[in-house]
Amino acid sequence: MRYPMILPWLARKSGVTLPTARRIWDQVLRESEQKFAPEVRGSKFWGHAIAEFRRRLHAASRRSPRTAAPGTQGAASLLWIHGRIICEATAAWAGYLRGACAAWPRLLLARQRMP
């Protein structure tokens, strides 16, 4: 079965594994096909499928606290926040070092040219 390209991103964002997200997507499609039997694959069908999929992903993320998305309560959310702070600080420091390394040769050349 073909899955939407955004499925892995939604799964990762909600803290659910990709196989679980695929299983939920398959269930939602089957139920939507039964609900919208004469009009399968119409705009109402896809609107219902996406809304139901996101609702079930949210429910599944609450059931697995170890991989829960930020905003959920518990130690997993706190660890995610701390990890994110460390990543942002590391990225800022790396950007500072890249800028300093790029500017250093120009500063040396400007100093040599001074009388």
C-alpha atoms as a PDB file:
ATOM      1  CA  MET A   1       0.000   0.000   0.000  1.00  0.00           C
ATOM      2  CA  ARG A   2       1.165   3.528  -0.703  1.00  0.00           C
ATOM      3  CA  TYR A   3       1.342   5.894   2.224  1.00  0.00           C
ATOM      4  CA  PRO A   4       1.259   9.705   2.241  1.00  0.00           C
ATOM      5  CA  MET A   5       4.690  11.310   2.117  1.00  0.00           C
ATOM      6  CA  ILE A   6       3.895  13.297   5.256  1.00  0.00           C
ATOM      7  CA  LEU A   7       3.152  10.143   7.292  1.00  0.00           C
ATOM      8  CA  PRO A   8       6.710   9.681   8.710  1.00  0.00           C
ATOM      9  CA  TRP A   9       6.868  13.338   9.714  1.00  0.00           C
ATOM     10  CA  LEU A  10       3.484  13.200  11.464  1.00  0.00           C
ATOM     11  CA  ALA A  11       4.496   9.978  13.219  1.00  0.00           C
ATOM     12  CA  ARG A  12       7.793  11.446  14.401  1.00  0.00           C
ATOM     13  CA  LYS A  13       6.111  14.679  15.496  1.00  0.00           C
ATOM     14  CA  SER A  14       3.533  12.820  17.558  1.00  0.00           C
ATOM     15  CA  GLY A  15       6.081  10.392  19.028  1.00  0.00           C
ATOM     16  CA  VAL A  16       4.649   7.243  17.442  1.00  0.00           C
ATOM     17  CA  THR A  17       6.712   4.666  15.568  1.00  0.00           C
ATOM     18  CA  LEU A  18       6.355   4.473  11.802  1.00  0.00           C
ATOM     19  CA  PRO A  19       4.875   0.927  11.785  1.00  0.00           C
ATOM     20  CA  THR A  20       2.252   2.032  14.302  1.00  0.00           C
ATOM     21  CA  ALA A  21       1.408   5.082  12.186  1.00  0.00           C
ATOM     22  CA  ARG A  22       1.068   2.894   9.088  1.00  0.00           C
ATOM     23  CA  ARG A  23      -1.234   0.507  10.939  1.00  0.00           C
ATOM     24  CA  ILE A  24      -3.380   3.430  12.128  1.00  0.00           C
ATOM     25  CA  TRP A  25      -3.483   4.854   8.568  1.00  0.00           C
ATOM     26  CA  ASP A  26      -4.638   1.497   7.164  1.00  0.00           C
ATOM     27  CA  GLN A  27      -7.395   1.248   9.787  1.00  0.00           C
ATOM     28  CA  VAL A  28      -8.569   4.793   9.134  1.00  0.00           C
ATOM     29  CA  LEU A  29      -8.693   4.218   5.364  1.00  0.00           C
ATOM     30  CA  ARG A  30     -10.733   1.024   5.766  1.00  0.00           C
ATOM     31  CA  GLU A  31     -13.214   2.725   8.085  1.00  0.00           C
ATOM     32  CA  SER A  32     -13.461   5.806   5.841  1.00  0.00           C
ATOM     33  CA  GLU A  33     -14.145   3.598   2.812  1.00  0.00           C
ATOM     34  CA  GLN A  34     -16.998   1.941   4.696  1.00  0.00           C
ATOM     35  CA  LYS A  35     -18.407   5.258   5.870  1.00  0.00           C
ATOM     36  CA  PHE A  36     -18.222   7.007   2.470  1.00  0.00           C
ATOM     37  CA  ALA A  37     -19.019   3.932   0.328  1.00  0.00           C
ATOM     38  CA  PRO A  38     -20.612   5.650  -2.695  1.00  0.00           C
ATOM     39  CA  GLU A  39     -18.224   8.621  -2.650  1.00  0.00           C
ATOM     40  CA  VAL A  40     -14.889   6.938  -1.918  1.00  0.00           C
ATOM     41  CA  ARG A  41     -11.803   9.138  -2.483  1.00  0.00           C
ATOM     42  CA  GLY A  42     -13.761  12.405  -2.533  1.00  0.00           C
ATOM     43  CA  SER A  43     -12.920  15.528  -0.549  1.00  0.00           C
ATOM     44  CA  LYS A  44     -15.154  14.532   2.379  1.00  0.00           C
ATOM     45  CA  PHE A  45     -13.475  11.118   2.442  1.00  0.00           C
ATOM     46  CA  TRP A  46      -9.966  12.586   2.648  1.00  0.00           C
ATOM     47  CA  GLY A  47     -10.987  15.259   5.146  1.00  0.00           C
ATOM     48  CA  HIS A  48     -12.451  12.643   7.443  1.00  0.00           C
ATOM     49  CA  ALA A  49      -9.478  10.296   6.966  1.00  0.00           C
ATOM     50  CA  ILE A  50      -6.889  12.944   7.813  1.00  0.00           C
ATOM     51  CA  ALA A  51      -8.818  14.254  10.828  1.00  0.00           C
ATOM     52  CA  GLU A  52      -9.366  10.745  12.180  1.00  0.00           C
ATOM     53  CA  PHE A  53      -5.731   9.802  11.552  1.00  0.00           C
ATOM     54  CA  ARG A  54      -4.441  12.821  13.464  1.00  0.00           C
ATOM     55  CA  ARG A  55      -6.877  12.150  16.315  1.00  0.00           C
ATOM     56  CA  ARG A  56      -5.720   8.539  16.594  1.00  0.00           C
ATOM     57  CA  LEU A  57      -2.050   9.513  16.384  1.00  0.00           C
ATOM     58  CA  HIS A  58      -2.591  11.878  19.284  1.00  0.00           C
ATOM     59  CA  ALA A  59      -4.308   9.124  21.271  1.00  0.00           C
ATOM     60  CA  ALA A  60      -1.505   6.668  20.457  1.00  0.00           C
ATOM     61  CA  SER A  61       1.148   9.159  21.570  1.00  0.00           C
ATOM     62  CA  ARG A  62      -0.528   9.438  24.962  1.00  0.00           C
ATOM     63  CA  ARG A  63      -0.391   5.658  25.361  1.00  0.00           C
ATOM     64  CA  SER A  64       3.406   5.544  24.825  1.00  0.00           C
ATOM     65  CA  PRO A  65       4.913   8.021  27.326  1.00  0.00           C
ATOM     66  CA  ARG A  66       8.530   7.085  26.532  1.00  0.00           C
ATOM     67  CA  THR A  67       8.291   8.480  23.030  1.00  0.00           C
ATOM     68  CA  ALA A  68       5.621  11.078  23.660  1.00  0.00           C
ATOM     69  CA  ALA A  69       5.707  14.368  21.826  1.00  0.00           C
ATOM     70  CA  PRO A  70       6.440  17.616  23.618  1.00  0.00           C
ATOM     71  CA  GLY A  71       3.490  19.035  25.451  1.00  0.00           C
ATOM     72  CA  THR A  72       2.618  15.720  27.045  1.00  0.00           C
ATOM     73  CA  GLN A  73       3.217  15.379  30.735  1.00  0.00           C
ATOM     74  CA  GLY A  74       5.897  13.358  32.366  1.00  0.00           C
ATOM     75  CA  ALA A  75       9.615  12.727  32.258  1.00  0.00           C
ATOM     76  CA  ALA A  76       9.677  12.106  28.488  1.00  0.00           C
ATOM     77  CA  SER A  77       8.533  15.645  27.782  1.00  0.00           C
ATOM     78  CA  LEU A  78      11.069  17.089  30.213  1.00  0.00           C
ATOM     79  CA  LEU A  79      13.872  15.074  28.645  1.00  0.00           C
ATOM     80  CA  TRP A  80      12.779  16.183  25.171  1.00  0.00           C
ATOM     81  CA  ILE A  81      12.876  19.839  26.259  1.00  0.00           C
ATOM     82  CA  HIS A  82      16.337  19.481  27.804  1.00  0.00           C
ATOM     83  CA  GLY A  83      17.644  17.687  24.721  1.00  0.00           C
ATOM     84  CA  ARG A  84      16.239  20.421  22.510  1.00  0.00           C
ATOM     85  CA  ILE A  85      17.888  23.141  24.609  1.00  0.00           C
ATOM     86  CA  ILE A  86      21.238  21.367  24.344  1.00  0.00           C
ATOM     87  CA  CYS A  87      20.849  20.983  20.576  1.00  0.00           C
ATOM     88  CA  GLU A  88      19.997  24.655  20.134  1.00  0.00           C
ATOM     89  CA  ALA A  89      22.910  25.773  22.324  1.00  0.00           C
ATOM     90  CA  THR A  90      25.299  23.521  20.414  1.00  0.00           C
ATOM     91  CA  ALA A  91      24.055  24.853  17.079  1.00  0.00           C
ATOM     92  CA  ALA A  92      24.471  28.453  18.271  1.00  0.00           C
ATOM     93  CA  TRP A  93      28.013  27.771  19.469  1.00  0.00           C
ATOM     94  CA  ALA A  94      28.902  26.070  16.170  1.00  0.00           C
ATOM     95  CA  GLY A  95      27.568  29.078  14.247  1.00  0.00           C
ATOM     96  CA  TYR A  96      29.653  31.417  16.379  1.00  0.00           C
ATOM     97  CA  LEU A  97      32.784  29.345  15.752  1.00  0.00           C
ATOM     98  CA  ARG A  98      32.170  29.234  11.985  1.00  0.00           C
ATOM     99  CA  GLY A  99      31.802  33.004  11.916  1.00  0.00           C
ATOM    100  CA  ALA A 100      34.929  33.525  14.008  1.00  0.00           C
ATOM    101  CA  CYS A 101      36.970  31.164  11.825  1.00  0.00           C
ATOM    102  CA  ALA A 102      35.800  32.946   8.690  1.00  0.00           C
ATOM    103  CA  ALA A 103      36.573  36.407  10.097  1.00  0.00           C
ATOM    104  CA  TRP A 104      39.968  35.609  11.635  1.00  0.00           C
ATOM    105  CA  PRO A 105      42.038  35.656   8.400  1.00  0.00           C
ATOM    106  CA  ARG A 106      40.501  38.991   7.375  1.00  0.00           C
ATOM    107  CA  LEU A 107      41.329  40.491  10.750  1.00  0.00           C
ATOM    108  CA  LEU A 108      44.940  39.351  10.475  1.00  0.00           C
ATOM    109  CA  LEU A 109      45.263  40.825   6.990  1.00  0.00           C
ATOM    110  CA  ALA A 110      43.764  44.135   8.116  1.00  0.00           C
ATOM    111  CA  ARG A 111      46.196  44.295  11.042  1.00  0.00           C
ATOM    112  CA  GLN A 112      49.204  43.625   8.794  1.00  0.00           C
ATOM    113  CA  ARG A 113      48.216  46.472   6.492  1.00  0.00           C
ATOM    114  CA  MET A 114      48.079  48.995   9.344  1.00  0.00           C
ATOM    115  CA  PRO A 115      51.122  51.285   9.623  1.00  0.00           C
END
